[in-house]
Amino acid sequence: MRYVSTKHLKPGDKLGTDLVASHNRLLLRKGRELTRSMIDTLELLGYQGVYVDDKISEGLYIHDVINPQLKHAARAEMQAFFCNVETNQIYQARKQIPTIRSIVHSIVDEVVSNRDILVNIIDIRAYDDYTYSHSLNVAVLSVVMGTGLGLDKKQLHDLTMGALLHDAGKMFVKKEILNKPARLTPEEFEEIKTHSELGYRYLSDQIEIPEDARIVALHHHEQYCGKGYPAGLSGDDIHLYGRICCVADVYDALTSDRPYRKSMLPSDAIEYILGGYNTHFDPHIVDALIKKIAPYPVGTCVQLSNGLKAIVVKNYQENILRPKVRIIADGEPTSEYIDLACDMSTLNITITGIVDQ
């Protein structure tokens, strides 16, 4: 199984996973052969790409840090919660908190039990699923970094709850501003910036969750150097969970298609975050991220510096830039493997880019 961007899908490509749309609607089942009409519809719905099974990726299975059933349940619950917040259904939103808390515990349990697994998968989502998928992805990335930073279970639960709800304030911002496919005016950006305080205020007044969870909504846009918002806090004056969520929020946003820009590859998003090391982001948290995110996820086709093309078959947590790859020749997999991390004779070979096959 490997990830293929929508623009490179071809009729006859076979889906490697179920494709589930918002409200947990099964759009296409695993194993379905795509037609031109299906591919056009996926592009229209805003899917960046899908996972396919083909000769190049034969035998590859990509493990996610949380199981698909939990992922779908969490997305559906967040969609219902944000809808209740937006429509001022306060009683209904409050009623959801025990269920969300249960989902938080499940996310933490799965991440902790899979602590040695790298985040090795590219999320599949349509434009209209962004808000709910983003909330879940930020929560998963936050708890992954939290485990790397040595947080205990109670801390991980509060961090995950806060990360799931960090964008609650966006429900009070005009949709035409949130989804504007062009550069925001200074006035529009000022309105966007209100979501941090609005979310914190809503969670403080209406929702019974710990203060350490609520503070994530307020602090996730503060920058380590003091140039963020809403208060311009810096360093340790920003709550630890806010600093963690800031990194997770930016990484997931960068790797997602948005109305105003195309997504970055995981490797490019990591480079961007490294550029903010000790300025925009807490360096200790960036260190925790880059030990847990695979820049070249399993199933990624890459160009090597020796001129060969290959597909990534294994990543190493201790050496994430040098995975094990299988050589591709004339669009077909070969029996030749190169282990960039473990084979000392390949030290002069590097990955120079990502290619579509």
Protein backbone atom coordinates (compact mmCIF):
# COMPACT_ATOMS: atom_id res chain seq x y z
CA MET A 1 0.00 0.00 0.00
CA ARG A 2 1.24 3.49 -0.83
CA TYR A 3 -0.06 7.04 -0.92
CA VAL A 4 -0.74 8.53 -4.36
CA SER A 5 -1.79 12.14 -4.89
CA THR A 6 -5.16 12.56 -6.59
CA LYS A 7 -3.64 14.19 -9.68
CA HIS A 8 -1.54 11.06 -10.29
CA LEU A 9 -4.33 8.50 -9.81
CA LYS A 10 -5.20 6.43 -12.89
CA PRO A 11 -8.33 4.45 -13.84
CA GLY A 12 -7.83 0.91 -12.60
CA ASP A 13 -5.87 1.91 -9.47
CA LYS A 14 -7.10 -0.16 -6.51
CA LEU A 15 -7.92 1.48 -3.16
CA GLY A 16 -5.71 0.28 -0.31
CA THR A 17 -8.07 1.43 2.48
CA ASP A 18 -11.75 2.23 2.96
CA LEU A 19 -12.42 5.83 2.05
CA VAL A 20 -14.66 7.35 4.72
CA ALA A 21 -16.17 10.82 4.27
CA SER A 22 -17.61 13.16 6.92
CA HIS A 23 -20.36 11.79 9.19
CA ASN A 24 -18.56 8.39 8.87
CA ARG A 25 -20.11 7.82 5.42
CA LEU A 26 -18.37 5.02 3.54
CA LEU A 27 -17.50 6.63 0.21
CA LEU A 28 -15.51 3.81 -1.40
CA ARG A 29 -14.52 0.41 -0.06
CA LYS A 30 -10.99 -1.01 0.11
CA GLY A 31 -10.14 -2.94 -3.05
CA ARG A 32 -12.39 -0.87 -5.31
CA GLU A 33 -10.91 -0.14 -8.72
CA LEU A 34 -11.10 3.56 -9.46
CA THR A 35 -12.74 4.89 -12.59
CA ARG A 36 -12.05 8.27 -14.22
CA SER A 37 -15.39 9.49 -12.84
CA MET A 38 -14.45 8.43 -9.30
CA ILE A 39 -11.08 10.15 -9.55
CA ASP A 40 -12.71 13.36 -10.81
CA THR A 41 -15.18 13.21 -7.89
CA LEU A 42 -12.36 12.74 -5.36
CA GLU A 43 -10.61 15.78 -6.79
CA LEU A 44 -13.83 17.78 -6.69
CA LEU A 45 -14.37 16.84 -3.03
CA GLY A 46 -10.89 18.09 -2.21
CA TYR A 47 -9.06 14.84 -1.48
CA GLN A 48 -5.30 15.37 -1.66
CA GLY A 49 -4.71 11.70 -2.40
CA VAL A 50 -5.57 8.14 -1.37
CA TYR A 51 -3.79 4.91 -0.54
CA VAL A 52 -3.61 2.33 -3.32
CA ASP A 53 -2.45 -1.28 -3.57
CA ASP A 54 -0.26 -1.98 -6.59
CA LYS A 55 2.82 -3.91 -7.70
CA ILE A 56 5.21 -1.21 -6.50
CA SER A 57 3.83 -1.36 -2.93
CA GLU A 58 3.08 -5.07 -2.82
CA GLY A 59 3.50 -6.46 0.71
CA LEU A 60 3.63 -3.04 2.39
CA TYR A 61 1.23 -2.31 5.23
CA ILE A 62 1.28 1.10 6.89
CA HIS A 63 0.61 1.13 10.64
CA ASP A 64 -1.08 4.18 12.11
CA VAL A 65 -0.63 5.14 15.77
CA ILE A 66 -4.40 4.84 16.37
CA ASN A 67 -6.82 2.39 14.81
CA PRO A 68 -9.26 3.43 12.05
CA GLN A 69 -12.37 2.77 14.17
CA LEU A 70 -11.17 5.14 16.90
CA LYS A 71 -10.19 7.71 14.28
CA HIS A 72 -13.65 7.64 12.67
CA ALA A 73 -15.44 7.78 16.05
CA ALA A 74 -13.31 10.73 17.18
CA ARG A 75 -13.90 12.67 13.96
CA ALA A 76 -17.66 12.12 14.18
CA GLU A 77 -17.75 13.22 17.82
CA MET A 78 -15.73 16.36 17.10
CA GLN A 79 -17.98 17.22 14.17
CA ALA A 80 -21.06 16.96 16.38
CA PHE A 81 -19.38 18.94 19.18
CA PHE A 82 -18.30 21.83 16.94
CA CYS A 83 -21.76 21.90 15.37
CA ASN A 84 -23.31 22.22 18.83
CA VAL A 85 -20.89 25.00 19.76
CA GLU A 86 -21.57 26.88 16.52
CA THR A 87 -25.37 26.65 16.92
CA ASN A 88 -25.21 27.49 20.66
CA GLN A 89 -26.56 24.09 21.72
CA ILE A 90 -24.77 24.38 25.07
CA TYR A 91 -26.62 21.53 26.78
CA GLN A 92 -25.84 19.15 23.92
CA ALA A 93 -22.19 20.20 23.88
CA ARG A 94 -21.93 19.58 27.63
CA LYS A 95 -23.53 16.15 27.24
CA GLN A 96 -20.77 15.15 24.83
CA ILE A 97 -17.91 15.76 27.25
CA PRO A 98 -18.01 12.30 28.90
CA THR A 99 -17.85 10.68 25.44
CA ILE A 100 -15.03 12.99 24.36
CA ARG A 101 -13.22 12.20 27.61
CA SER A 102 -13.56 8.48 26.83
CA ILE A 103 -12.12 9.09 23.35
CA VAL A 104 -9.23 11.01 24.94
CA HIS A 105 -8.42 8.04 27.18
CA SER A 106 -8.52 5.69 24.16
CA ILE A 107 -6.20 7.95 22.13
CA VAL A 108 -3.71 8.16 25.00
CA ASP A 109 -3.84 4.41 25.62
CA GLU A 110 -3.22 3.59 21.95
CA VAL A 111 -0.38 6.08 21.53
CA VAL A 112 1.30 4.93 24.75
CA SER A 113 0.99 1.27 23.76
CA ASN A 114 2.44 2.12 20.31
CA ARG A 115 5.08 4.53 21.60
CA ASP A 116 7.78 3.02 19.36
CA ILE A 117 5.76 3.54 16.14
CA LEU A 118 6.61 6.57 14.06
CA VAL A 119 3.83 8.77 12.71
CA ASN A 120 4.13 7.10 9.34
CA ILE A 121 0.91 7.87 7.54
CA ILE A 122 -0.50 10.75 5.51
CA ASP A 123 -4.04 11.64 6.54
CA ILE A 124 -6.82 11.19 3.98
CA ARG A 125 -9.49 13.89 4.14
CA ALA A 126 -11.73 16.10 2.06
CA TYR A 127 -12.00 19.89 2.37
CA ASP A 128 -15.23 19.70 4.40
CA ASP A 129 -13.64 17.30 6.89
CA TYR A 130 -10.66 19.56 7.67
CA THR A 131 -11.78 21.07 10.99
CA TYR A 132 -12.62 17.71 12.62
CA SER A 133 -9.66 15.81 11.16
CA HIS A 134 -7.33 18.66 12.12
CA SER A 135 -8.53 18.59 15.73
CA LEU A 136 -7.92 14.85 15.93
CA ASN A 137 -4.53 15.00 14.22
CA VAL A 138 -3.35 17.80 16.49
CA ALA A 139 -4.45 15.74 19.50
CA VAL A 140 -2.61 12.63 18.28
CA LEU A 141 0.55 14.57 17.41
CA SER A 142 0.41 16.33 20.78
CA VAL A 143 0.17 13.12 22.77
CA VAL A 144 2.93 11.56 20.63
CA MET A 145 5.20 14.49 21.55
CA GLY A 146 3.96 14.39 25.14
CA THR A 147 5.07 10.78 25.51
CA GLY A 148 8.45 11.73 24.09
CA LEU A 149 8.70 14.49 26.69
CA GLY A 150 7.94 12.06 29.52
CA LEU A 151 4.48 13.31 30.53
CA ASP A 152 2.45 11.03 32.79
CA LYS A 153 -1.04 9.67 31.99
CA LYS A 154 -2.91 12.48 33.77
CA GLN A 155 -0.89 15.11 31.93
CA LEU A 156 -1.42 13.31 28.61
CA HIS A 157 -5.18 13.20 29.19
CA ASP A 158 -5.37 16.96 29.86
CA LEU A 159 -3.07 17.72 26.92
CA THR A 160 -5.14 15.56 24.56
CA MET A 161 -8.44 17.03 25.70
CA GLY A 162 -7.09 20.54 25.21
CA ALA A 163 -5.68 19.71 21.78
CA LEU A 164 -8.98 18.19 20.61
CA LEU A 165 -10.81 21.37 21.61
CA HIS A 166 -8.09 23.92 20.79
CA ASP A 167 -10.00 25.43 17.85
CA ALA A 168 -13.43 25.67 19.51
CA GLY A 169 -13.23 29.46 19.19
CA LYS A 170 -13.21 29.24 15.39
CA MET A 171 -16.91 28.39 15.60
CA PHE A 172 -17.47 32.06 16.48
CA VAL A 173 -15.51 33.41 13.48
CA LYS A 174 -17.20 34.13 10.15
CA LYS A 175 -16.89 31.16 7.78
CA GLU A 176 -16.15 33.38 4.80
CA ILE A 177 -13.01 34.54 6.62
CA LEU A 178 -11.96 31.06 7.80
CA ASN A 179 -12.34 29.63 4.29
CA LYS A 180 -11.19 32.63 2.28
CA PRO A 181 -9.14 31.37 -0.70
CA ALA A 182 -6.90 34.43 -0.71
CA ARG A 183 -4.70 36.49 1.57
CA LEU A 184 -6.54 37.90 4.58
CA THR A 185 -6.79 41.65 5.07
CA PRO A 186 -5.32 43.02 8.33
CA GLU A 187 -8.88 43.42 9.66
CA GLU A 188 -9.77 39.83 8.79
CA PHE A 189 -6.62 38.52 10.44
CA GLU A 190 -7.49 40.44 13.60
CA GLU A 191 -10.85 38.67 13.64
CA ILE A 192 -9.18 35.28 13.15
CA LYS A 193 -6.93 36.04 16.13
CA THR A 194 -9.95 36.38 18.41
CA HIS A 195 -10.61 32.64 18.24
CA SER A 196 -8.02 31.86 20.92
CA GLU A 197 -9.69 33.99 23.60
CA LEU A 198 -13.22 33.14 22.42
CA GLY A 199 -12.49 29.43 22.62
CA TYR A 200 -10.90 29.69 26.05
CA ARG A 201 -13.82 31.77 27.33
CA TYR A 202 -16.37 29.28 25.97
CA LEU A 203 -14.56 26.30 27.47
CA SER A 204 -14.19 28.14 30.79
CA ASP A 205 -17.84 29.25 31.03
CA GLN A 206 -19.68 26.30 29.47
CA ILE A 207 -17.60 23.14 29.51
CA GLU A 208 -16.38 21.29 32.60
CA ILE A 209 -12.80 20.34 31.81
CA PRO A 210 -9.56 21.04 33.72
CA GLU A 211 -7.93 24.44 33.40
CA ASP A 212 -4.76 22.78 32.04
CA ALA A 213 -6.88 21.53 29.11
CA ARG A 214 -8.74 24.83 28.56
CA ILE A 215 -5.53 26.85 28.47
CA VAL A 216 -4.49 25.11 25.24
CA ALA A 217 -7.17 27.06 23.35
CA LEU A 218 -5.73 30.32 24.70
CA HIS A 219 -2.01 29.59 24.24
CA HIS A 220 -1.68 27.52 21.05
CA HIS A 221 -0.83 30.58 18.91
CA GLU A 222 1.69 32.07 21.31
CA GLN A 223 5.25 31.88 19.98
CA TYR A 224 8.32 30.90 21.97
CA CYS A 225 10.03 34.19 21.01
CA GLY A 226 7.06 36.29 22.19
CA LYS A 227 5.64 37.34 18.81
CA GLY A 228 2.45 35.27 18.92
CA TYR A 229 -1.06 36.04 20.12
CA PRO A 230 -3.24 36.85 22.01
CA ALA A 231 -0.89 38.02 24.81
CA GLY A 232 2.59 37.94 23.25
CA LEU A 233 3.84 35.49 25.89
CA SER A 234 7.29 33.93 25.51
CA GLY A 235 9.29 30.94 26.73
CA ASP A 236 7.99 29.14 29.79
CA ASP A 237 5.31 31.79 30.34
CA ILE A 238 3.42 29.87 27.64
CA HIS A 239 1.81 26.77 29.13
CA LEU A 240 3.69 23.59 28.16
CA TYR A 241 0.54 22.16 26.55
CA GLY A 242 0.14 25.34 24.50
CA ARG A 243 3.74 25.04 23.28
CA ILE A 244 3.18 21.41 22.32
CA CYS A 245 -0.11 22.14 20.57
CA CYS A 246 1.49 25.04 18.67
CA VAL A 247 3.96 22.67 16.98
CA ALA A 248 1.29 20.03 16.29
CA ASP A 249 -1.11 22.65 14.92
CA VAL A 250 1.42 24.08 12.48
CA TYR A 251 2.65 20.67 11.30
CA ASP A 252 -0.85 19.39 10.54
CA ALA A 253 -1.89 22.65 8.88
CA LEU A 254 1.19 22.60 6.64
CA THR A 255 0.53 19.01 5.51
CA SER A 256 -3.11 19.76 4.63
CA ASP A 257 -4.65 21.30 1.53
CA ARG A 258 -6.27 24.62 2.40
CA PRO A 259 -8.36 27.00 0.26
CA TYR A 260 -5.41 29.42 -0.01
CA ARG A 261 -2.53 26.97 -0.57
CA LYS A 262 -1.57 23.38 -1.37
CA SER A 263 -0.24 20.99 1.25
CA MET A 264 3.43 20.42 1.98
CA LEU A 265 5.10 17.03 2.05
CA PRO A 266 6.00 15.76 5.55
CA SER A 267 9.70 16.35 4.83
CA ASP A 268 9.08 19.97 3.80
CA ALA A 269 6.84 20.60 6.83
CA ILE A 270 9.57 19.31 9.14
CA GLU A 271 12.09 21.63 7.43
CA TYR A 272 9.72 24.57 8.00
CA ILE A 273 9.34 23.75 11.69
CA LEU A 274 13.10 23.34 12.09
CA GLY A 275 13.38 26.84 10.66
CA GLY A 276 11.41 28.08 13.68
CA TYR A 277 13.62 26.23 16.18
CA ASN A 278 14.03 28.35 19.34
CA THR A 279 12.12 31.26 17.77
CA HIS A 280 8.56 30.36 16.80
CA PHE A 281 8.76 26.97 18.58
CA ASP A 282 10.13 25.56 21.84
CA PRO A 283 13.29 23.65 20.75
CA HIS A 284 12.68 20.75 23.16
CA ILE A 285 9.25 20.17 21.62
CA VAL A 286 10.63 20.35 18.07
CA ASP A 287 13.20 17.73 19.11
CA ALA A 288 10.35 15.52 20.34
CA LEU A 289 8.48 15.97 17.05
CA ILE A 290 11.32 15.11 14.70
CA LYS A 291 12.01 11.87 16.58
CA LYS A 292 8.42 10.74 15.98
CA ILE A 293 7.50 11.93 12.46
CA ALA A 294 8.68 10.05 9.38
CA PRO A 295 9.69 12.64 6.74
CA TYR A 296 9.43 9.86 4.15
CA PRO A 297 6.50 7.68 5.25
CA VAL A 298 6.42 3.99 4.31
CA GLY A 299 5.05 3.72 0.78
CA THR A 300 6.64 7.00 -0.38
CA CYS A 301 8.42 6.82 -3.74
CA VAL A 302 11.75 8.65 -3.60
CA GLN A 303 14.59 9.72 -5.86
CA LEU A 304 18.06 8.68 -4.69
CA SER A 305 21.27 10.60 -5.28
CA ASN A 306 22.66 7.65 -7.32
CA GLY A 307 19.91 8.20 -9.92
CA LEU A 308 17.71 5.28 -8.86
CA LYS A 309 14.07 5.45 -7.81
CA ALA A 310 12.82 3.51 -4.80
CA ILE A 311 9.92 3.02 -2.40
CA VAL A 312 10.32 3.39 1.36
CA VAL A 313 9.63 0.09 3.14
CA LYS A 314 10.88 0.80 6.68
CA ASN A 315 11.72 3.80 8.84
CA TYR A 316 14.03 4.01 11.84
CA GLN A 317 13.19 6.22 14.83
CA GLU A 318 16.87 6.78 15.54
CA ASN A 319 17.65 7.81 11.95
CA ILE A 320 14.49 9.14 10.33
CA LEU A 321 16.23 10.62 7.27
CA ARG A 322 17.69 7.28 6.18
CA PRO A 323 14.99 4.64 5.70
CA LYS A 324 15.21 1.20 4.11
CA VAL A 325 14.05 1.32 0.48
CA ARG A 326 13.25 -1.08 -2.36
CA ILE A 327 14.51 -0.16 -5.82
CA ILE A 328 12.00 0.50 -8.62
CA ALA A 329 12.98 -0.01 -12.27
CA ASP A 330 10.74 0.79 -15.24
CA GLY A 331 7.77 1.26 -12.91
CA GLU A 332 8.20 -2.23 -11.40
CA PRO A 333 9.55 -3.26 -7.98
CA THR A 334 12.82 -5.17 -7.98
CA SER A 335 14.33 -7.57 -5.45
CA GLU A 336 17.05 -5.04 -4.59
CA TYR A 337 16.90 -3.24 -1.24
CA ILE A 338 19.09 -0.47 0.13
CA ASP A 339 19.18 0.11 3.88
CA LEU A 340 20.38 3.69 4.13
CA ALA A 341 20.62 3.56 7.93
CA CYS A 342 22.32 0.22 8.48
CA ASP A 343 24.42 -0.46 5.37
CA MET A 344 27.70 1.41 5.76
CA SER A 345 28.45 1.04 2.04
CA THR A 346 25.51 3.38 1.26
CA LEU A 347 26.71 6.37 3.29
CA ASN A 348 27.23 8.37 0.10
CA ILE A 349 23.61 7.79 -1.03
CA THR A 350 20.91 10.25 0.05
CA ILE A 351 17.26 10.91 -0.73
CA THR A 352 17.07 13.92 -3.03
CA GLY A 353 13.33 14.18 -3.51
CA ILE A 354 9.93 12.54 -3.69
CA VAL A 355 8.51 11.23 -6.97
CA ASP A 356 5.14 9.94 -8.14
CA GLN A 357 5.03 6.62 -9.96
